[in-house]
C-alpha atoms as a PDB file:
ATOM      1  CA  UNK A   1      16.080  57.945  94.293  1.00  0.00           C
ATOM      2  CA  UNK A   2      15.660  54.524  92.695  1.00  0.00           C
ATOM      3  CA  UNK A   3      15.571  54.071  88.934  1.00  0.00           C
ATOM      4  CA  UNK A   4      12.314  52.724  87.556  1.00  0.00           C
ATOM      5  CA  UNK A   5      10.182  52.585  84.418  1.00  0.00           C
ATOM      6  CA  UNK A   6       6.498  53.172  83.855  1.00  0.00           C
ATOM      7  CA  UNK A   7       5.221  51.270  80.836  1.00  0.00           C
ATOM      8  CA  UNK A   8       2.267  53.160  79.388  1.00  0.00           C
ATOM      9  CA  UNK A   9       1.679  50.380  76.863  1.00  0.00           C
ATOM     10  CA  UNK A  10       1.223  49.915  73.146  1.00  0.00           C
ATOM     11  CA  UNK A  11      -1.314  51.840  71.074  1.00  0.00           C
ATOM     12  CA  UNK A  12      -2.321  49.540  68.184  1.00  0.00           C
ATOM     13  CA  UNK A  13      -3.856  52.404  66.200  1.00  0.00           C
ATOM     14  CA  UNK A  14      -0.640  54.426  66.046  1.00  0.00           C
ATOM     15  CA  UNK A  15       1.878  51.604  66.448  1.00  0.00           C
ATOM     16  CA  UNK A  16       3.595  53.517  69.258  1.00  0.00           C
ATOM     17  CA  UNK A  17       4.762  51.969  72.534  1.00  0.00           C
ATOM     18  CA  UNK A  18       5.381  54.520  75.310  1.00  0.00           C
ATOM     19  CA  UNK A  19       7.605  54.162  78.375  1.00  0.00           C
ATOM     20  CA  UNK A  20       8.704  56.727  80.947  1.00  0.00           C
ATOM     21  CA  UNK A  21      12.046  56.080  82.636  1.00  0.00           C
ATOM     22  CA  UNK A  22      13.257  57.738  85.827  1.00  0.00           C
ATOM     23  CA  UNK A  23      17.045  57.381  85.874  1.00  0.00           C
ATOM     24  CA  UNK A  24      19.642  59.272  87.891  1.00  0.00           C
ATOM     25  CA  UNK A  25      17.214  62.074  88.693  1.00  0.00           C
ATOM     26  CA  UNK A  26      16.158  62.493  85.054  1.00  0.00           C
ATOM     27  CA  UNK A  27      12.885  61.715  83.313  1.00  0.00           C
ATOM     28  CA  UNK A  28      13.205  60.035  79.923  1.00  0.00           C
ATOM     29  CA  UNK A  29      10.070  59.805  77.789  1.00  0.00           C
ATOM     30  CA  UNK A  30      10.637  56.963  75.285  1.00  0.00           C
ATOM     31  CA  UNK A  31       8.390  56.228  72.323  1.00  0.00           C
ATOM     32  CA  UNK A  32       9.076  53.395  69.937  1.00  0.00           C
ATOM     33  CA  UNK A  33       7.245  52.737  66.693  1.00  0.00           C
ATOM     34  CA  UNK A  34       6.313  49.250  65.507  1.00  0.00           C
ATOM     35  CA  UNK A  35       5.760  49.348  61.744  1.00  0.00           C
ATOM     36  CA  UNK A  36       4.870  45.655  61.493  1.00  0.00           C
ATOM     37  CA  UNK A  37       1.044  46.122  61.506  1.00  0.00           C
ATOM     38  CA  UNK A  38       1.334  48.771  58.761  1.00  0.00           C
ATOM     39  CA  UNK A  39       3.675  46.635  56.673  1.00  0.00           C
ATOM     40  CA  UNK A  40       1.460  43.570  57.002  1.00  0.00           C
ATOM     41  CA  UNK A  41      -1.662  45.519  56.003  1.00  0.00           C
ATOM     42  CA  UNK A  42       0.162  47.023  53.009  1.00  0.00           C
ATOM     43  CA  UNK A  43       1.314  43.584  51.852  1.00  0.00           C
ATOM     44  CA  UNK A  44      -2.217  42.178  52.133  1.00  0.00           C
ATOM     45  CA  UNK A  45      -3.615  45.148  50.183  1.00  0.00           C
ATOM     46  CA  UNK A  46      -0.990  44.691  47.430  1.00  0.00           C
ATOM     47  CA  UNK A  47      -2.031  41.062  47.073  1.00  0.00           C
ATOM     48  CA  UNK A  48      -5.736  41.972  46.912  1.00  0.00           C
ATOM     49  CA  UNK A  49      -5.219  44.808  44.422  1.00  0.00           C
ATOM     50  CA  UNK A  50      -2.990  42.823  42.060  1.00  0.00           C
ATOM     51  CA  UNK A  51      -4.338  43.071  38.514  1.00  0.00           C
ATOM     52  CA  UNK A  52      -6.775  45.880  39.334  1.00  0.00           C
ATOM     53  CA  UNK A  53      -6.859  48.967  37.165  1.00  0.00           C
ATOM     54  CA  UNK A  54      -5.351  52.270  38.142  1.00  0.00           C
ATOM     55  CA  UNK A  55      -7.995  54.880  38.884  1.00  0.00           C
ATOM     56  CA  UNK A  56      -9.183  57.661  41.109  1.00  0.00           C
ATOM     57  CA  UNK A  57      -9.766  56.713  44.708  1.00  0.00           C
ATOM     58  CA  UNK A  58      -7.138  53.955  44.725  1.00  0.00           C
ATOM     59  CA  UNK A  59      -5.245  53.975  48.039  1.00  0.00           C
ATOM     60  CA  UNK A  60      -1.609  53.784  47.053  1.00  0.00           C
ATOM     61  CA  UNK A  61       0.008  53.394  50.459  1.00  0.00           C
ATOM     62  CA  UNK A  62       0.067  53.966  54.179  1.00  0.00           C
ATOM     63  CA  UNK A  63       2.179  56.647  55.817  1.00  0.00           C
ATOM     64  CA  UNK A  64       3.453  55.990  59.332  1.00  0.00           C
ATOM     65  CA  UNK A  65       2.145  58.578  61.844  1.00  0.00           C
ATOM     66  CA  UNK A  66       5.411  60.510  62.166  1.00  0.00           C
ATOM     67  CA  UNK A  67       5.874  60.743  58.393  1.00  0.00           C
ATOM     68  CA  UNK A  68       2.238  61.771  57.989  1.00  0.00           C
ATOM     69  CA  UNK A  69       2.693  64.583  60.518  1.00  0.00           C
ATOM     70  CA  UNK A  70       5.790  65.845  58.684  1.00  0.00           C
ATOM     71  CA  UNK A  71       4.042  65.819  55.323  1.00  0.00           C
ATOM     72  CA  UNK A  72       0.877  67.506  56.633  1.00  0.00           C
ATOM     73  CA  UNK A  73       3.054  70.409  57.792  1.00  0.00           C
ATOM     74  CA  UNK A  74       3.967  71.198  54.147  1.00  0.00           C
ATOM     75  CA  UNK A  75       1.607  73.959  52.940  1.00  0.00           C
ATOM     76  CA  UNK A  76       1.988  73.394  49.167  1.00  0.00           C
ATOM     77  CA  UNK A  77      -0.178  70.468  47.938  1.00  0.00           C
ATOM     78  CA  UNK A  78       2.143  69.655  45.030  1.00  0.00           C
ATOM     79  CA  UNK A  79       5.168  69.546  47.303  1.00  0.00           C
ATOM     80  CA  UNK A  80       3.224  67.292  49.709  1.00  0.00           C
ATOM     81  CA  UNK A  81       2.391  64.901  46.848  1.00  0.00           C
ATOM     82  CA  UNK A  82       6.054  64.832  45.792  1.00  0.00           C
ATOM     83  CA  UNK A  83       7.174  64.058  49.352  1.00  0.00           C
ATOM     84  CA  UNK A  84       4.574  61.289  49.653  1.00  0.00           C
ATOM     85  CA  UNK A  85       5.715  59.620  46.437  1.00  0.00           C
ATOM     86  CA  UNK A  86       9.371  60.042  47.446  1.00  0.00           C
ATOM     87  CA  UNK A  87       8.595  58.277  50.738  1.00  0.00           C
ATOM     88  CA  UNK A  88       6.888  55.390  48.912  1.00  0.00           C
ATOM     89  CA  UNK A  89       9.766  55.043  46.440  1.00  0.00           C
ATOM     90  CA  UNK A  90      12.234  54.873  49.342  1.00  0.00           C
ATOM     91  CA  UNK A  91       9.963  52.588  51.398  1.00  0.00           C
ATOM     92  CA  UNK A  92       8.049  50.360  48.933  1.00  0.00           C
ATOM     93  CA  UNK A  93       6.913  48.002  51.709  1.00  0.00           C
ATOM     94  CA  UNK A  94       4.373  50.686  52.735  1.00  0.00           C
ATOM     95  CA  UNK A  95       2.815  50.720  49.223  1.00  0.00           C
ATOM     96  CA  UNK A  96      -0.668  49.198  49.054  1.00  0.00           C
ATOM     97  CA  UNK A  97      -1.183  49.395  45.268  1.00  0.00           C
ATOM     98  CA  UNK A  98       1.939  48.259  43.404  1.00  0.00           C
ATOM     99  CA  UNK A  99       1.069  50.025  40.134  1.00  0.00           C
ATOM    100  CA  UNK A 100       1.561  53.356  41.913  1.00  0.00           C
ATOM    101  CA  UNK A 101       5.342  52.979  41.640  1.00  0.00           C
ATOM    102  CA  UNK A 102       5.471  51.912  37.990  1.00  0.00           C
END
């Protein structure tokens, strides 16, 4: 059996590129995540929100799909909020409103 790859393409909404490899009689399902669109959007939002007041309804950041899925699995809302803020502190490039980390 020959080795080959099926490229299922890039999903711009999730940032995930999917490929299926057939190698040595095995099937390997590969998904890679491209954070660049999320990081670019967050940077643009930080620039636009600079100097704006803190308030309800302010979007503070964007969670990548895999992180979002992990956090949604946490049943306690306070624990979810803590995990979200911990993610943004560790990954400030995903923050859309810079005052959220001050």
